[in-house]
Protein backbone atom coordinates (compact mmCIF):
# COMPACT_ATOMS: atom_id res chain seq x y z
CA MET A 1 53.25 -73.74 -15.22
CA THR A 2 53.17 -75.78 -18.22
CA HIS A 3 56.91 -75.88 -17.90
CA ASP A 4 56.56 -77.58 -14.42
CA LEU A 5 54.07 -80.10 -15.75
CA GLU A 6 56.10 -81.36 -18.59
CA LEU A 7 59.29 -81.38 -16.19
CA ARG A 8 57.26 -83.25 -13.57
CA ALA A 9 56.04 -85.97 -16.10
CA VAL A 10 59.84 -86.45 -17.07
CA VAL A 11 60.84 -86.79 -13.53
CA PHE A 12 57.95 -89.08 -12.68
CA ALA A 13 59.16 -91.34 -15.67
CA LEU A 14 62.75 -91.49 -14.48
CA LYS A 15 61.67 -92.33 -10.92
CA MET A 16 59.43 -94.96 -12.22
CA TRP A 17 61.94 -96.45 -14.51
CA ARG A 18 64.90 -95.92 -12.29
CA HIS A 19 65.86 -99.42 -11.85
CA TYR A 20 66.30 -99.71 -15.76
CA LEU A 21 67.54 -96.13 -16.43
CA TYR A 22 69.96 -95.56 -13.65
CA GLY A 23 73.79 -95.86 -14.90
CA THR A 24 72.82 -96.24 -18.66
CA ARG A 25 72.46 -93.54 -21.37
CA CYS A 26 68.88 -92.55 -22.29
CA THR A 27 67.06 -90.10 -24.32
CA VAL A 28 63.96 -88.34 -23.27
CA PHE A 29 61.46 -87.22 -25.95
CA THR A 30 59.11 -84.50 -25.33
CA ASP A 31 56.73 -82.23 -27.43
CA HIS A 32 57.46 -79.31 -25.08
CA LYS A 33 60.38 -77.75 -27.03
CA SER A 34 61.37 -75.43 -24.15
CA LEU A 35 62.45 -78.41 -21.80
CA GLN A 36 65.44 -79.02 -24.34
CA HIS A 37 66.83 -75.77 -22.88
CA ILE A 38 65.85 -75.86 -19.20
CA LEU A 39 69.39 -76.68 -18.19
CA ASP A 40 70.53 -73.42 -19.75
CA GLN A 41 67.91 -71.14 -18.03
CA LYS A 42 69.28 -68.94 -15.35
CA GLU A 43 65.99 -68.31 -13.30
CA LEU A 44 64.44 -71.46 -11.94
CA ASN A 45 61.98 -72.09 -9.10
CA ILE A 46 63.00 -74.21 -6.24
CA ARG A 47 61.05 -77.04 -7.48
CA GLN A 48 62.62 -76.96 -10.76
CA ARG A 49 65.97 -76.86 -9.38
CA ARG A 50 65.52 -79.90 -7.27
CA TRP A 51 63.89 -81.73 -10.17
CA LEU A 52 67.07 -80.67 -12.53
CA GLN A 53 69.13 -82.00 -9.54
CA LEU A 54 67.58 -85.32 -9.86
CA LEU A 55 68.02 -85.26 -13.70
CA SER A 56 71.58 -84.69 -13.03
CA ASP A 57 71.89 -88.29 -11.52
CA TYR A 58 70.95 -89.72 -14.76
CA ASP A 59 72.79 -89.73 -18.02
CA CYS A 60 69.98 -88.58 -20.35
CA ASP A 61 69.34 -86.20 -23.13
CA ILE A 62 66.17 -84.32 -23.56
CA ARG A 63 64.94 -83.96 -27.15
CA ASP A 64 62.05 -82.40 -28.99
CA HIS A 65 59.68 -84.77 -30.69
CA PRO A 66 56.83 -82.77 -32.15
CA GLY A 67 53.24 -83.76 -31.29
CA LYS A 68 52.31 -84.11 -35.02
CA ALA A 69 54.96 -86.79 -35.33
CA ASN A 70 53.72 -88.65 -32.22
CA VAL A 71 50.60 -90.08 -33.61
CA VAL A 72 50.08 -92.91 -31.05
CA ALA A 73 50.17 -90.59 -28.00
CA ASP A 74 48.10 -87.96 -29.85
CA ALA A 75 45.43 -90.66 -30.74
CA LEU A 76 45.54 -91.78 -27.03
CA SER A 77 45.18 -88.23 -25.71
CA ARG A 78 42.05 -87.52 -27.99
CA LYS A 79 40.30 -90.85 -27.53
CA GLU A 80 36.66 -90.38 -26.83
CA ARG A 81 35.62 -91.13 -23.42
CA SER A 82 32.79 -93.63 -23.00
CA ARG A 83 29.70 -92.57 -20.78
CA PRO A 84 29.73 -94.39 -17.41
CA LEU A 85 27.24 -97.27 -17.14
CA ARG A 86 24.20 -96.77 -15.19
CA VAL A 87 24.42 -98.38 -11.67
CA ARG A 88 21.29 -100.25 -10.31
CA ALA A 89 20.90 -100.48 -6.76
CA LEU A 90 19.26 -103.23 -4.73
CA VAL A 91 17.25 -102.29 -1.71
CA MET A 92 16.76 -104.87 1.02
CA LYS A 93 15.10 -104.65 4.08
CA MET A 94 16.37 -106.32 7.05
CA GLY A 95 14.20 -107.08 10.19
CA LEU A 96 15.33 -107.25 13.72
CA ASN A 97 15.35 -110.75 13.89
CA LEU A 98 18.04 -111.23 11.00
CA PRO A 99 21.05 -112.24 13.39
CA LYS A 100 18.87 -114.87 14.88
CA GLU A 101 17.83 -116.16 11.24
CA ILE A 102 21.65 -116.16 10.34
CA LEU A 103 22.51 -118.07 13.43
CA GLU A 104 19.80 -120.69 12.88
CA ALA A 105 20.99 -120.99 9.04
CA GLN A 106 24.55 -121.60 10.16
CA THR A 107 23.65 -124.35 12.93
CA LYS A 108 21.44 -125.83 10.39
CA GLU A 109 24.26 -126.15 7.89
CA LEU A 110 26.78 -127.33 10.49
CA LYS A 111 24.73 -130.40 11.35
CA PRO A 112 26.42 -133.88 10.53
CA GLU A 113 23.92 -134.93 7.80
CA ASN A 114 24.51 -131.66 6.01
CA LEU A 115 28.41 -131.76 5.95
CA SER A 116 28.96 -134.50 3.34
């Protein structure tokens, strides 16, 4: 399953950056070591085969970059989440004559002496 998630992330990145990467040589660094050897595997599910077909359209290498060496991504993934702020609600009661009051206010504002 983690195989699929990592490969899915690579495919997503290639699709997002297609207009920059298509036709140029690129290197994909991943901390999922087994992705380096996915092209050599004999048993792949249908999804993985489809994604590998998409990968074959690009001129890219998949290389291992250990998680310990990738301190920036590691720091971002371990960043503490701040607690959401409390939401305060405003309760407003509207009477049945509200449409009439709105119409009167609009009429008053459209009078010539109020337009300047």
